[in-house]
N, C-alpha and C. Protein backbone atom coordinates (compact mmCIF):
# COMPACT_ATOMS: atom_id res chain seq x y z
N MET A 1 56.60 -30.00 28.03
CA MET A 1 55.86 -30.12 26.78
C MET A 1 55.01 -28.84 26.60
N PRO A 2 55.17 -28.14 25.48
CA PRO A 2 54.39 -26.92 25.27
C PRO A 2 52.91 -27.23 25.06
N ASP A 3 52.09 -26.26 25.46
CA ASP A 3 50.65 -26.43 25.25
C ASP A 3 50.35 -26.34 23.76
N ARG A 4 49.58 -27.30 23.29
CA ARG A 4 49.17 -27.32 21.88
C ARG A 4 47.67 -27.09 21.82
N PRO A 5 47.21 -26.44 20.75
CA PRO A 5 45.76 -26.31 20.62
C PRO A 5 45.15 -27.68 20.42
N PRO A 6 43.91 -27.86 20.88
CA PRO A 6 43.29 -29.17 20.71
C PRO A 6 43.17 -29.54 19.24
N ARG A 7 43.38 -30.80 18.94
CA ARG A 7 43.30 -31.28 17.56
C ARG A 7 41.83 -31.41 17.17
N ARG A 8 41.52 -30.88 16.02
CA ARG A 8 40.15 -31.00 15.53
C ARG A 8 39.90 -32.41 15.04
N GLY A 9 38.72 -32.88 15.30
CA GLY A 9 38.34 -34.20 14.84
C GLY A 9 37.91 -34.16 13.39
N THR A 10 37.72 -35.33 12.85
CA THR A 10 37.32 -35.47 11.45
C THR A 10 35.98 -34.78 11.20
N ARG A 11 35.02 -34.98 12.10
CA ARG A 11 33.70 -34.38 11.92
C ARG A 11 33.80 -32.86 11.87
N ASP A 12 34.60 -32.29 12.78
CA ASP A 12 34.78 -30.84 12.79
C ASP A 12 35.44 -30.36 11.50
N ALA A 13 36.43 -31.10 11.03
CA ALA A 13 37.12 -30.71 9.79
C ALA A 13 36.14 -30.70 8.61
N ILE A 14 35.25 -31.67 8.59
CA ILE A 14 34.25 -31.74 7.52
C ILE A 14 33.31 -30.55 7.60
N LEU A 15 32.83 -30.26 8.80
CA LEU A 15 31.90 -29.13 8.96
C LEU A 15 32.56 -27.80 8.64
N ILE A 16 33.80 -27.63 9.04
CA ILE A 16 34.52 -26.39 8.74
C ILE A 16 34.72 -26.25 7.23
N ALA A 17 35.09 -27.34 6.57
CA ALA A 17 35.28 -27.30 5.12
C ALA A 17 33.98 -26.93 4.42
N ALA A 18 32.88 -27.56 4.81
CA ALA A 18 31.59 -27.29 4.17
C ALA A 18 31.14 -25.86 4.42
N ALA A 19 31.29 -25.38 5.65
CA ALA A 19 30.89 -24.01 5.97
C ALA A 19 31.75 -23.01 5.22
N THR A 20 33.04 -23.29 5.10
CA THR A 20 33.94 -22.41 4.35
C THR A 20 33.54 -22.35 2.89
N MET A 21 33.21 -23.50 2.32
CA MET A 21 32.79 -23.54 0.92
C MET A 21 31.50 -22.73 0.72
N LEU A 22 30.56 -22.85 1.64
CA LEU A 22 29.34 -22.06 1.54
C LEU A 22 29.62 -20.57 1.73
N GLY A 23 30.56 -20.25 2.60
CA GLY A 23 30.94 -18.85 2.81
C GLY A 23 31.57 -18.24 1.57
N GLU A 24 32.32 -19.03 0.85
CA GLU A 24 32.96 -18.55 -0.37
C GLU A 24 31.96 -18.40 -1.52
N ASP A 25 31.00 -19.31 -1.56
CA ASP A 25 29.99 -19.28 -2.62
C ASP A 25 28.67 -19.82 -2.06
N PRO A 26 27.81 -18.92 -1.57
CA PRO A 26 26.56 -19.36 -0.93
C PRO A 26 25.65 -20.19 -1.84
N LEU A 27 25.85 -20.11 -3.12
CA LEU A 27 25.02 -20.88 -4.05
C LEU A 27 25.68 -22.19 -4.47
N ALA A 28 26.83 -22.48 -3.88
CA ALA A 28 27.58 -23.69 -4.24
C ALA A 28 26.80 -24.94 -3.87
N ARG A 29 26.96 -25.95 -4.66
CA ARG A 29 26.37 -27.26 -4.36
C ARG A 29 27.45 -28.04 -3.61
N LEU A 30 27.16 -28.41 -2.38
CA LEU A 30 28.15 -29.10 -1.57
C LEU A 30 28.17 -30.58 -1.94
N SER A 31 29.06 -30.93 -2.85
CA SER A 31 29.19 -32.35 -3.20
C SER A 31 30.03 -33.04 -2.13
N VAL A 32 29.73 -34.30 -1.89
CA VAL A 32 30.43 -35.08 -0.89
C VAL A 32 31.92 -35.14 -1.22
N ARG A 33 32.23 -35.35 -2.48
CA ARG A 33 33.65 -35.45 -2.88
C ARG A 33 34.39 -34.14 -2.68
N ALA A 34 33.76 -33.04 -3.04
CA ALA A 34 34.42 -31.74 -2.91
C ALA A 34 34.65 -31.39 -1.44
N VAL A 35 33.65 -31.64 -0.60
CA VAL A 35 33.80 -31.35 0.83
C VAL A 35 34.86 -32.26 1.45
N ALA A 36 34.84 -33.53 1.11
CA ALA A 36 35.84 -34.46 1.64
C ALA A 36 37.25 -34.04 1.23
N ALA A 37 37.42 -33.66 -0.03
CA ALA A 37 38.73 -33.21 -0.49
C ALA A 37 39.17 -31.97 0.26
N ARG A 38 38.27 -31.03 0.43
CA ARG A 38 38.60 -29.78 1.13
C ARG A 38 38.96 -30.05 2.59
N ALA A 39 38.29 -31.03 3.21
CA ALA A 39 38.55 -31.37 4.60
C ALA A 39 39.77 -32.28 4.77
N GLY A 40 40.24 -32.85 3.66
CA GLY A 40 41.39 -33.74 3.72
C GLY A 40 41.04 -35.11 4.29
N VAL A 41 39.80 -35.54 4.02
CA VAL A 41 39.36 -36.85 4.50
C VAL A 41 38.81 -37.65 3.33
N SER A 42 38.63 -38.93 3.53
CA SER A 42 38.04 -39.77 2.48
C SER A 42 36.53 -39.58 2.45
N THR A 43 35.93 -39.93 1.33
CA THR A 43 34.47 -39.85 1.25
C THR A 43 33.84 -40.86 2.23
N GLY A 44 34.51 -41.95 2.48
CA GLY A 44 34.02 -42.93 3.46
C GLY A 44 33.96 -42.34 4.86
N SER A 45 34.97 -41.56 5.22
CA SER A 45 34.97 -40.90 6.53
C SER A 45 33.84 -39.89 6.61
N LEU A 46 33.64 -39.14 5.55
CA LEU A 46 32.55 -38.17 5.53
C LEU A 46 31.21 -38.90 5.68
N ARG A 47 31.05 -39.98 4.95
CA ARG A 47 29.80 -40.74 5.00
C ARG A 47 29.57 -41.38 6.37
N HIS A 48 30.65 -41.65 7.10
CA HIS A 48 30.51 -42.19 8.45
C HIS A 48 29.76 -41.19 9.34
N PHE A 49 30.10 -39.93 9.22
CA PHE A 49 29.48 -38.90 10.04
C PHE A 49 28.19 -38.35 9.43
N PHE A 50 28.13 -38.30 8.12
CA PHE A 50 26.99 -37.74 7.40
C PHE A 50 26.61 -38.72 6.28
N PRO A 51 25.69 -39.64 6.57
CA PRO A 51 25.36 -40.69 5.60
C PRO A 51 24.77 -40.17 4.30
N THR A 52 24.18 -38.99 4.34
CA THR A 52 23.60 -38.42 3.13
C THR A 52 24.08 -36.99 2.95
N GLN A 53 24.01 -36.53 1.73
CA GLN A 53 24.37 -35.14 1.44
C GLN A 53 23.43 -34.21 2.20
N ARG A 54 22.16 -34.58 2.29
CA ARG A 54 21.17 -33.77 3.01
C ARG A 54 21.54 -33.64 4.48
N ALA A 55 22.02 -34.72 5.10
CA ALA A 55 22.42 -34.68 6.51
C ALA A 55 23.57 -33.70 6.71
N LEU A 56 24.52 -33.70 5.78
CA LEU A 56 25.64 -32.77 5.84
C LEU A 56 25.16 -31.33 5.72
N ILE A 57 24.36 -31.06 4.72
CA ILE A 57 23.88 -29.70 4.48
C ILE A 57 23.03 -29.22 5.66
N ASP A 58 22.13 -30.06 6.15
CA ASP A 58 21.28 -29.66 7.27
C ASP A 58 22.11 -29.33 8.51
N THR A 59 23.13 -30.13 8.78
CA THR A 59 23.98 -29.89 9.95
C THR A 59 24.74 -28.59 9.80
N VAL A 60 25.31 -28.34 8.63
CA VAL A 60 26.05 -27.10 8.40
C VAL A 60 25.14 -25.89 8.55
N LEU A 61 23.96 -25.95 7.95
CA LEU A 61 23.03 -24.83 8.04
C LEU A 61 22.55 -24.61 9.47
N ASP A 62 22.32 -25.69 10.21
CA ASP A 62 21.93 -25.55 11.61
C ASP A 62 23.02 -24.86 12.42
N LEU A 63 24.25 -25.27 12.20
CA LEU A 63 25.36 -24.65 12.92
C LEU A 63 25.54 -23.19 12.54
N MET A 64 25.37 -22.90 11.27
CA MET A 64 25.53 -21.52 10.82
C MET A 64 24.41 -20.63 11.36
N SER A 65 23.23 -21.18 11.53
CA SER A 65 22.12 -20.39 12.04
C SER A 65 22.27 -20.12 13.54
N ASP A 66 23.10 -20.92 14.23
CA ASP A 66 23.32 -20.73 15.66
C ASP A 66 24.40 -19.70 15.96
N VAL A 67 25.09 -19.21 14.95
CA VAL A 67 26.15 -18.23 15.16
C VAL A 67 25.53 -16.91 15.60
N ASP A 68 26.05 -16.36 16.67
CA ASP A 68 25.56 -15.09 17.19
C ASP A 68 26.27 -13.96 16.46
N VAL A 69 25.50 -13.19 15.70
CA VAL A 69 26.06 -12.09 14.93
C VAL A 69 25.70 -10.78 15.62
N PRO A 70 26.72 -10.02 16.07
CA PRO A 70 26.42 -8.74 16.70
C PRO A 70 25.70 -7.81 15.72
N ASP A 71 24.80 -7.02 16.24
CA ASP A 71 24.04 -6.05 15.43
C ASP A 71 23.23 -6.73 14.34
N ASP A 72 22.78 -7.94 14.58
CA ASP A 72 21.96 -8.65 13.59
C ASP A 72 20.57 -8.03 13.57
N PRO A 73 20.18 -7.43 12.43
CA PRO A 73 18.88 -6.76 12.38
C PRO A 73 17.70 -7.71 12.52
N ILE A 74 17.89 -8.97 12.26
CA ILE A 74 16.80 -9.93 12.38
C ILE A 74 16.40 -10.11 13.84
N HIS A 75 17.38 -10.04 14.74
CA HIS A 75 17.13 -10.21 16.16
C HIS A 75 17.03 -8.87 16.89
N ASP A 76 16.87 -7.83 16.18
CA ASP A 76 16.75 -6.50 16.77
C ASP A 76 15.44 -6.40 17.54
N THR A 77 15.51 -6.09 18.82
CA THR A 77 14.31 -6.01 19.65
C THR A 77 13.77 -4.59 19.76
N ASP A 78 14.40 -3.64 19.11
CA ASP A 78 13.92 -2.24 19.15
C ASP A 78 12.67 -2.05 18.35
């Protein structure tokens, strides 16, 4: 059996879809329906992991702020 990449879970698919949408348009309003459609999941599945739109947005922004960006001038210690 060939090695397959690990399958992403529903929560990961939702977060990737939301982060991608923000990457494409940082001023976009992340609606639950639009993110669910982009992730290929039902709105009920999205609500299971993120009961509110605020919970979704906060989680996405927290994850995006944890990304290590090389040569980030904000973290420049010089």
